[in-house]
C-alpha atoms as a PDB file:
ATOM      1  CA  MET A   1    -131.541  80.844 228.562  1.00  0.00           C
ATOM      2  CA  SER A   2    -131.180  84.614 227.923  1.00  0.00           C
ATOM      3  CA  MET A   3    -128.298  85.304 230.588  1.00  0.00           C
ATOM      4  CA  GLU A   4    -129.638  88.986 230.808  1.00  0.00           C
ATOM      5  CA  SER A   5    -129.897  90.386 234.508  1.00  0.00           C
ATOM      6  CA  GLY A   6    -133.066  92.217 235.867  1.00  0.00           C
ATOM      7  CA  SER A   7    -135.831  93.525 234.533  1.00  0.00           C
ATOM      8  CA  GLU A   8    -136.337  96.375 232.093  1.00  0.00           C
ATOM      9  CA  ASP A   9    -136.627  99.553 235.125  1.00  0.00           C
ATOM     10  CA  ALA A  10    -133.820  97.943 236.940  1.00  0.00           C
ATOM     11  CA  LYS A  11    -131.145 100.199 237.731  1.00  0.00           C
ATOM     12  CA  PRO A  12    -127.664  98.689 236.721  1.00  0.00           C
ATOM     13  CA  LEU A  13    -125.090  98.646 240.231  1.00  0.00           C
ATOM     14  CA  VAL A  14    -122.523 100.414 238.700  1.00  0.00           C
ATOM     15  CA  ALA A  15    -122.331 102.689 234.952  1.00  0.00           C
ATOM     16  CA  ALA A  16    -120.501 101.020 233.259  1.00  0.00           C
ATOM     17  CA  THR A  17    -119.591 100.488 229.602  1.00  0.00           C
ATOM     18  CA  SER A  18    -118.233  97.429 228.054  1.00  0.00           C
ATOM     19  CA  PRO A  19    -114.443  96.820 228.064  1.00  0.00           C
ATOM     20  CA  THR A  20    -112.923  96.400 224.444  1.00  0.00           C
ATOM     21  CA  VAL A  21    -111.227  93.287 223.941  1.00  0.00           C
ATOM     22  CA  GLY A  22    -106.941  93.190 223.556  1.00  0.00           C
ATOM     23  CA  GLU A  23    -104.571  90.755 223.535  1.00  0.00           C
ATOM     24  CA  ASP A  24    -104.716  89.251 227.177  1.00  0.00           C
ATOM     25  CA  LYS A  25    -107.991  90.820 228.124  1.00  0.00           C
ATOM     26  CA  GLY A  26    -110.166  88.134 226.296  1.00  0.00           C
ATOM     27  CA  ARG A  27    -108.572  85.365 227.791  1.00  0.00           C
ATOM     28  CA  ALA A  28    -108.123  86.679 231.406  1.00  0.00           C
ATOM     29  CA  PHE A  29    -111.852  87.732 231.429  1.00  0.00           C
ATOM     30  CA  VAL A  30    -112.839  84.394 230.617  1.00  0.00           C
ATOM     31  CA  THR A  31    -110.897  82.829 233.254  1.00  0.00           C
ATOM     32  CA  ARG A  32    -111.883  85.076 235.557  1.00  0.00           C
ATOM     33  CA  MET A  33    -115.911  84.115 234.328  1.00  0.00           C
ATOM     34  CA  THR A  34    -115.059  80.792 234.569  1.00  0.00           C
ATOM     35  CA  GLU A  35    -113.706  80.843 237.958  1.00  0.00           C
ATOM     36  CA  HIS A  36    -116.530  82.583 239.036  1.00  0.00           C
ATOM     37  CA  ALA A  37    -119.276  80.234 237.281  1.00  0.00           C
ATOM     38  CA  PHE A  38    -117.250  76.896 239.344  1.00  0.00           C
ATOM     39  CA  ARG A  39    -117.559  78.735 242.518  1.00  0.00           C
ATOM     40  CA  VAL A  40    -121.383  79.693 241.883  1.00  0.00           C
ATOM     41  CA  LEU A  41    -122.311  76.307 240.442  1.00  0.00           C
ATOM     42  CA  ASN A  42    -120.063  74.205 243.146  1.00  0.00           C
ATOM     43  CA  LEU A  43    -119.855  76.175 246.035  1.00  0.00           C
ATOM     44  CA  GLU A  44    -122.483  78.947 246.322  1.00  0.00           C
ATOM     45  CA  MET A  45    -125.548  77.682 245.118  1.00  0.00           C
ATOM     46  CA  ASP A  46    -125.836  74.435 247.300  1.00  0.00           C
ATOM     47  CA  ASP A  47    -128.058  75.770 249.658  1.00  0.00           C
ATOM     48  CA  PHE A  48    -130.356  77.338 247.209  1.00  0.00           C
ATOM     49  CA  LEU A  49    -130.079  73.889 245.148  1.00  0.00           C
ATOM     50  CA  ASP A  50    -130.387  71.422 248.381  1.00  0.00           C
ATOM     51  CA  GLN A  51    -134.051  73.196 248.358  1.00  0.00           C
ATOM     52  CA  PHE A  52    -135.079  71.392 245.636  1.00  0.00           C
ATOM     53  CA  VAL A  53    -133.468  68.129 245.599  1.00  0.00           C
ATOM     54  CA  ASP A  54    -136.540  65.957 246.808  1.00  0.00           C
ATOM     55  CA  ILE A  55    -138.799  67.685 243.954  1.00  0.00           C
ATOM     56  CA  PHE A  56    -136.418  65.412 241.150  1.00  0.00           C
ATOM     57  CA  ASP A  57    -136.471  62.643 243.381  1.00  0.00           C
ATOM     58  CA  GLN A  58    -138.286  60.117 241.870  1.00  0.00           C
ATOM     59  CA  ASP A  59    -138.649  56.542 239.585  1.00  0.00           C
ATOM     60  CA  PHE A  60    -136.444  56.518 235.967  1.00  0.00           C
ATOM     61  CA  GLU A  61    -139.807  55.244 234.845  1.00  0.00           C
ATOM     62  CA  GLU A  62    -141.728  58.281 235.115  1.00  0.00           C
ATOM     63  CA  LEU A  63    -139.313  60.107 233.297  1.00  0.00           C
ATOM     64  CA  LYS A  64    -138.832  57.473 230.986  1.00  0.00           C
ATOM     65  CA  ASN A  65    -142.449  57.261 230.276  1.00  0.00           C
ATOM     66  CA  GLY A  66    -142.868  61.231 230.357  1.00  0.00           C
ATOM     67  CA  SER A  67    -144.998  61.535 233.320  1.00  0.00           C
ATOM     68  CA  GLY A  68    -142.159  62.372 235.646  1.00  0.00           C
ATOM     69  CA  GLU A  69    -141.518  65.974 234.887  1.00  0.00           C
ATOM     70  CA  THR A  70    -143.757  68.260 237.101  1.00  0.00           C
ATOM     71  CA  LEU A  71    -144.933  71.720 237.473  1.00  0.00           C
ATOM     72  CA  GLY A  72    -143.011  71.855 240.507  1.00  0.00           C
ATOM     73  CA  GLN A  73    -139.466  70.924 239.038  1.00  0.00           C
ATOM     74  CA  TYR A  74    -140.459  73.387 236.322  1.00  0.00           C
ATOM     75  CA  ASP A  75    -140.445  75.976 238.290  1.00  0.00           C
ATOM     76  CA  ALA A  76    -137.459  74.891 240.416  1.00  0.00           C
ATOM     77  CA  TYR A  77    -135.598  75.087 237.128  1.00  0.00           C
ATOM     78  CA  LYS A  78    -136.829  78.879 236.154  1.00  0.00           C
ATOM     79  CA  LYS A  79    -135.823  79.775 239.780  1.00  0.00           C
ATOM     80  CA  TYR A  80    -132.671  78.078 239.118  1.00  0.00           C
ATOM     81  CA  VAL A  81    -132.231  80.040 236.227  1.00  0.00           C
ATOM     82  CA  ALA A  82    -133.151  83.500 237.260  1.00  0.00           C
ATOM     83  CA  GLU A  83    -130.722  83.231 240.139  1.00  0.00           C
ATOM     84  CA  LEU A  84    -127.555  82.253 237.442  1.00  0.00           C
ATOM     85  CA  ASP A  85    -129.319  85.068 235.543  1.00  0.00           C
ATOM     86  CA  ARG A  86    -128.838  87.337 239.022  1.00  0.00           C
ATOM     87  CA  ARG A  87    -125.387  86.303 240.084  1.00  0.00           C
ATOM     88  CA  PHE A  88    -123.922  86.187 236.587  1.00  0.00           C
ATOM     89  CA  GLY A  89    -125.143  90.112 235.805  1.00  0.00           C
ATOM     90  CA  GLU A  90    -123.959  91.232 238.835  1.00  0.00           C
ATOM     91  CA  PHE A  91    -120.676  89.342 238.038  1.00  0.00           C
ATOM     92  CA  ALA A  92    -120.773  91.079 235.006  1.00  0.00           C
ATOM     93  CA  LEU A  93    -121.503  94.583 236.222  1.00  0.00           C
ATOM     94  CA  ARG A  94    -118.345  93.934 238.886  1.00  0.00           C
ATOM     95  CA  GLU A  95    -116.379  93.311 235.454  1.00  0.00           C
ATOM     96  CA  GLY A  96    -117.280  96.705 234.126  1.00  0.00           C
ATOM     97  CA  PHE A  97    -119.640  95.589 231.238  1.00  0.00           C
ATOM     98  CA  SER A  98    -123.212  97.160 231.092  1.00  0.00           C
ATOM     99  CA  SER A  99    -124.961  93.925 230.929  1.00  0.00           C
ATOM    100  CA  ALA A 100    -124.669  89.770 231.011  1.00  0.00           C
ATOM    101  CA  GLY A 101    -125.465  90.159 227.399  1.00  0.00           C
ATOM    102  CA  ALA A 102    -122.582  92.722 226.700  1.00  0.00           C
ATOM    103  CA  ALA A 103    -119.995  90.455 228.719  1.00  0.00           C
ATOM    104  CA  PHE A 104    -121.290  87.416 226.480  1.00  0.00           C
ATOM    105  CA  ASP A 105    -120.298  89.795 223.519  1.00  0.00           C
ATOM    106  CA  PHE A 106    -116.998  90.365 224.675  1.00  0.00           C
ATOM    107  CA  VAL A 107    -116.326  86.738 225.224  1.00  0.00           C
ATOM    108  CA  GLN A 108    -117.452  86.009 221.113  1.00  0.00           C
ATOM    109  CA  GLU A 109    -114.601  88.952 220.157  1.00  0.00           C
ATOM    110  CA  ALA A 110    -112.166  87.495 222.488  1.00  0.00           C
ATOM    111  CA  VAL A 111    -112.780  83.751 220.935  1.00  0.00           C
ATOM    112  CA  SER A 112    -112.781  84.855 217.428  1.00  0.00           C
ATOM    113  CA  LEU A 113    -109.685  87.266 217.960  1.00  0.00           C
ATOM    114  CA  ASP A 114    -107.895  84.037 219.398  1.00  0.00           C
ATOM    115  CA  ALA A 115    -108.817  82.154 217.177  1.00  0.00           C
ATOM    116  CA  ARG A 116    -107.638  84.371 214.231  1.00  0.00           C
ATOM    117  CA  ARG A 117    -104.274  84.474 216.351  1.00  0.00           C
ATOM    118  CA  VAL A 118    -104.146  80.376 216.249  1.00  0.00           C
ATOM    119  CA  ASP A 119    -104.806  80.347 212.552  1.00  0.00           C
ATOM    120  CA  GLU A 120    -101.632  82.964 211.968  1.00  0.00           C
ATOM    121  CA  GLN A 121     -99.427  80.887 214.015  1.00  0.00           C
ATOM    122  CA  LEU A 122    -100.052  77.812 212.658  1.00  0.00           C
ATOM    123  CA  GLN A 123     -99.736  79.816 208.778  1.00  0.00           C
ATOM    124  CA  GLU A 124     -96.366  80.437 210.264  1.00  0.00           C
ATOM    125  CA  LEU A 125     -95.440  77.488 211.311  1.00  0.00           C
ATOM    126  CA  GLU A 126     -96.355  75.637 208.205  1.00  0.00           C
ATOM    127  CA  LEU A 127     -94.330  78.009 206.276  1.00  0.00           C
ATOM    128  CA  ALA A 128     -90.926  77.401 208.135  1.00  0.00           C
ATOM    129  CA  ILE A 129     -92.039  73.803 208.244  1.00  0.00           C
ATOM    130  CA  GLN A 130     -92.030  74.152 204.036  1.00  0.00           C
ATOM    131  CA  ALA A 131     -88.985  76.399 204.356  1.00  0.00           C
ATOM    132  CA  ILE A 132     -87.327  73.481 206.494  1.00  0.00           C
ATOM    133  CA  GLN A 133     -88.371  70.534 204.071  1.00  0.00           C
ATOM    134  CA  ARG A 134     -87.091  72.829 201.238  1.00  0.00           C
ATOM    135  CA  SER A 135     -83.842  72.602 202.007  1.00  0.00           C
END
């Protein structure tokens, strides 16, 4: 799933440029994104998901033998993905990103920065342990 919001000719809700990753900006954004995802998936999309519950009510044997997946289920899945794309795209724009893709790039950069910081801290800790062991 691409998480790219809207069509090519869709206009952004706000004129946005992507924020840059800073010391705590990455963690703060990931926290907000996680809270948004939780709220959307567990609260806001309840009515949307309730529309499709009956389509997925089927016998386990049908799933097991491959006859259980229907075009109706696939259509419901496409609508689900489109709804997630729309909601995350709007969230990304509100957060100041030019697109959902730019938000995911920001998360990747934040994760890489955090991993480098943790590696540096572990190296410092290892040096401190070695110094203690020598004394």
